[in-house]
C-alpha atoms as a PDB file:
ATOM      1  CA  MET A   1      11.732 -72.465  23.361  1.00  0.00           C
ATOM      2  CA  ASN A   2       8.490 -73.948  24.718  1.00  0.00           C
ATOM      3  CA  ASN A   3       5.070 -72.822  23.567  1.00  0.00           C
ATOM      4  CA  ASN A   4       4.453 -70.775  26.609  1.00  0.00           C
ATOM      5  CA  GLY A   5       7.738 -68.892  25.926  1.00  0.00           C
ATOM      6  CA  SER A   6       6.817 -68.170  22.370  1.00  0.00           C
ATOM      7  CA  MET A   7       3.446 -66.846  23.435  1.00  0.00           C
ATOM      8  CA  ILE A   8       5.071 -64.507  25.892  1.00  0.00           C
ATOM      9  CA  ASP A   9       7.416 -63.287  23.094  1.00  0.00           C
ATOM     10  CA  LYS A  10       4.335 -62.734  20.745  1.00  0.00           C
ATOM     11  CA  GLU A  11       2.559 -60.809  23.558  1.00  0.00           C
ATOM     12  CA  LYS A  12       5.696 -58.685  24.166  1.00  0.00           C
ATOM     13  CA  ALA A  13       6.141 -58.138  20.371  1.00  0.00           C
ATOM     14  CA  SER A  14       2.406 -57.045  20.201  1.00  0.00           C
ATOM     15  CA  LEU A  15       2.924 -54.606  23.138  1.00  0.00           C
ATOM     16  CA  TYR A  16       6.092 -53.166  21.610  1.00  0.00           C
ATOM     17  CA  ASN A  17       4.395 -52.643  18.237  1.00  0.00           C
ATOM     18  CA  SER A  18       1.437 -50.954  19.805  1.00  0.00           C
ATOM     19  CA  VAL A  19       3.824 -48.412  21.394  1.00  0.00           C
ATOM     20  CA  PHE A  20       6.261 -47.923  18.564  1.00  0.00           C
ATOM     21  CA  SER A  21       3.793 -48.060  15.618  1.00  0.00           C
ATOM     22  CA  THR A  22       2.544 -44.620  16.487  1.00  0.00           C
ATOM     23  CA  ARG A  23       4.151 -41.432  15.139  1.00  0.00           C
ATOM     24  CA  GLU A  24       5.229 -40.573  18.678  1.00  0.00           C
ATOM     25  CA  GLY A  25       6.689 -44.003  19.224  1.00  0.00           C
ATOM     26  CA  ASN A  26       8.646 -43.836  16.015  1.00  0.00           C
ATOM     27  CA  LEU A  27      10.079 -40.506  17.043  1.00  0.00           C
ATOM     28  CA  VAL A  28      11.134 -41.908  20.410  1.00  0.00           C
ATOM     29  CA  LEU A  29      12.631 -45.009  18.850  1.00  0.00           C
ATOM     30  CA  GLU A  30      14.530 -42.719  16.367  1.00  0.00           C
ATOM     31  CA  ASP A  31      15.789 -40.734  19.281  1.00  0.00           C
ATOM     32  CA  LEU A  32      16.908 -43.839  21.083  1.00  0.00           C
ATOM     33  CA  LEU A  33      18.673 -45.090  18.071  1.00  0.00           C
ATOM     34  CA  THR A  34      20.578 -41.888  17.572  1.00  0.00           C
ATOM     35  CA  PHE A  35      21.339 -41.467  21.359  1.00  0.00           C
ATOM     36  CA  VAL A  36      22.909 -44.866  21.667  1.00  0.00           C
ATOM     37  CA  GLY A  37      24.878 -44.464  18.401  1.00  0.00           C
ATOM     38  CA  TYR A  38      23.101 -47.450  16.866  1.00  0.00           C
ATOM     39  CA  TYR A  39      24.037 -46.220  13.366  1.00  0.00           C
ATOM     40  CA  GLY A  40      27.691 -45.796  14.261  1.00  0.00           C
ATOM     41  CA  ASP A  41      30.526 -47.999  15.385  1.00  0.00           C
ATOM     42  CA  ALA A  42      30.308 -49.208  18.944  1.00  0.00           C
ATOM     43  CA  PHE A  43      34.126 -49.796  19.003  1.00  0.00           C
ATOM     44  CA  SER A  44      36.295 -47.343  21.054  1.00  0.00           C
ATOM     45  CA  ALA A  45      39.953 -47.690  20.254  1.00  0.00           C
ATOM     46  CA  GLY A  46      42.131 -48.446  23.219  1.00  0.00           C
ATOM     47  CA  ASP A  47      39.202 -48.528  25.722  1.00  0.00           C
ATOM     48  CA  PRO A  48      37.408 -51.832  26.086  1.00  0.00           C
ATOM     49  CA  CYS A  49      35.236 -50.522  28.853  1.00  0.00           C
ATOM     50  CA  VAL A  50      33.693 -47.876  26.638  1.00  0.00           C
ATOM     51  CA  THR A  51      33.343 -50.418  23.790  1.00  0.00           C
ATOM     52  CA  SER A  52      31.406 -52.662  26.308  1.00  0.00           C
ATOM     53  CA  TYR A  53      29.382 -49.896  27.462  1.00  0.00           C
ATOM     54  CA  ASN A  54      28.445 -48.883  23.849  1.00  0.00           C
ATOM     55  CA  CYS A  55      27.561 -52.472  23.021  1.00  0.00           C
ATOM     56  CA  GLY A  56      25.213 -52.708  26.006  1.00  0.00           C
ATOM     57  CA  GLN A  57      23.312 -49.503  25.006  1.00  0.00           C
ATOM     58  CA  ARG A  58      23.081 -50.921  21.357  1.00  0.00           C
ATOM     59  CA  ARG A  59      21.663 -54.135  22.796  1.00  0.00           C
ATOM     60  CA  VAL A  60      18.787 -52.410  24.314  1.00  0.00           C
ATOM     61  CA  VAL A  61      17.607 -50.904  20.978  1.00  0.00           C
ATOM     62  CA  ALA A  62      18.450 -54.034  19.114  1.00  0.00           C
ATOM     63  CA  ARG A  63      15.900 -55.899  21.330  1.00  0.00           C
ATOM     64  CA  ILE A  64      13.318 -53.329  20.650  1.00  0.00           C
ATOM     65  CA  LEU A  65      13.902 -53.730  16.855  1.00  0.00           C
ATOM     66  CA  ASN A  66      13.937 -57.381  17.144  1.00  0.00           C
ATOM     67  CA  LEU A  67      10.455 -57.373  18.868  1.00  0.00           C
ATOM     68  CA  LEU A  68       9.143 -54.989  16.410  1.00  0.00           C
ATOM     69  CA  GLY A  69      10.263 -57.249  13.487  1.00  0.00           C
ATOM     70  CA  LYS A  70      12.873 -57.042  10.746  1.00  0.00           C
ATOM     71  CA  GLY A  71      10.741 -54.898   8.423  1.00  0.00           C
ATOM     72  CA  HIS A  72      10.364 -52.213  11.015  1.00  0.00           C
ATOM     73  CA  ALA A  73      14.178 -52.143  11.621  1.00  0.00           C
ATOM     74  CA  ILE A  74      14.952 -51.859   7.898  1.00  0.00           C
ATOM     75  CA  ASP A  75      12.428 -49.018   7.625  1.00  0.00           C
ATOM     76  CA  MET A  76      14.175 -47.254  10.528  1.00  0.00           C
ATOM     77  CA  ILE A  77      17.574 -47.682   8.955  1.00  0.00           C
ATOM     78  CA  LYS A  78      16.326 -46.520   5.472  1.00  0.00           C
ATOM     79  CA  SER A  79      14.750 -43.505   7.064  1.00  0.00           C
ATOM     80  CA  HIS A  80      17.916 -42.647   8.876  1.00  0.00           C
ATOM     81  CA  HIS A  81      20.107 -42.916   5.698  1.00  0.00           C
ATOM     82  CA  GLU A  82      17.590 -40.851   3.776  1.00  0.00           C
ATOM     83  CA  ARG A  83      17.761 -38.011   6.418  1.00  0.00           C
ATOM     84  CA  GLN A  84      21.630 -38.271   6.398  1.00  0.00           C
ATOM     85  CA  SER A  85      21.586 -37.764   2.594  1.00  0.00           C
ATOM     86  CA  VAL A  86      19.347 -34.772   2.955  1.00  0.00           C
ATOM     87  CA  ASP A  87      21.211 -33.225   5.944  1.00  0.00           C
ATOM     88  CA  GLY A  88      24.631 -34.088   4.911  1.00  0.00           C
END
């Protein structure tokens, strides 16, 4: 990647962080992660079209998490697992 490309990525990452670092942004991100089944299995037995669709949905939130950085993704996953322990 050239210097210009990495600068664009840094700018995008900064924009994503400014949106998703807020309380509201975290709630929206958690909703997206749950809605697309990010914490579950994308595989649908016997239906490769559904599996592909599920993988596509997960790719969108994976991009958001990637731009937010690994630490943010880990925090979101820990938070999800903690809620599952309390709820379930």
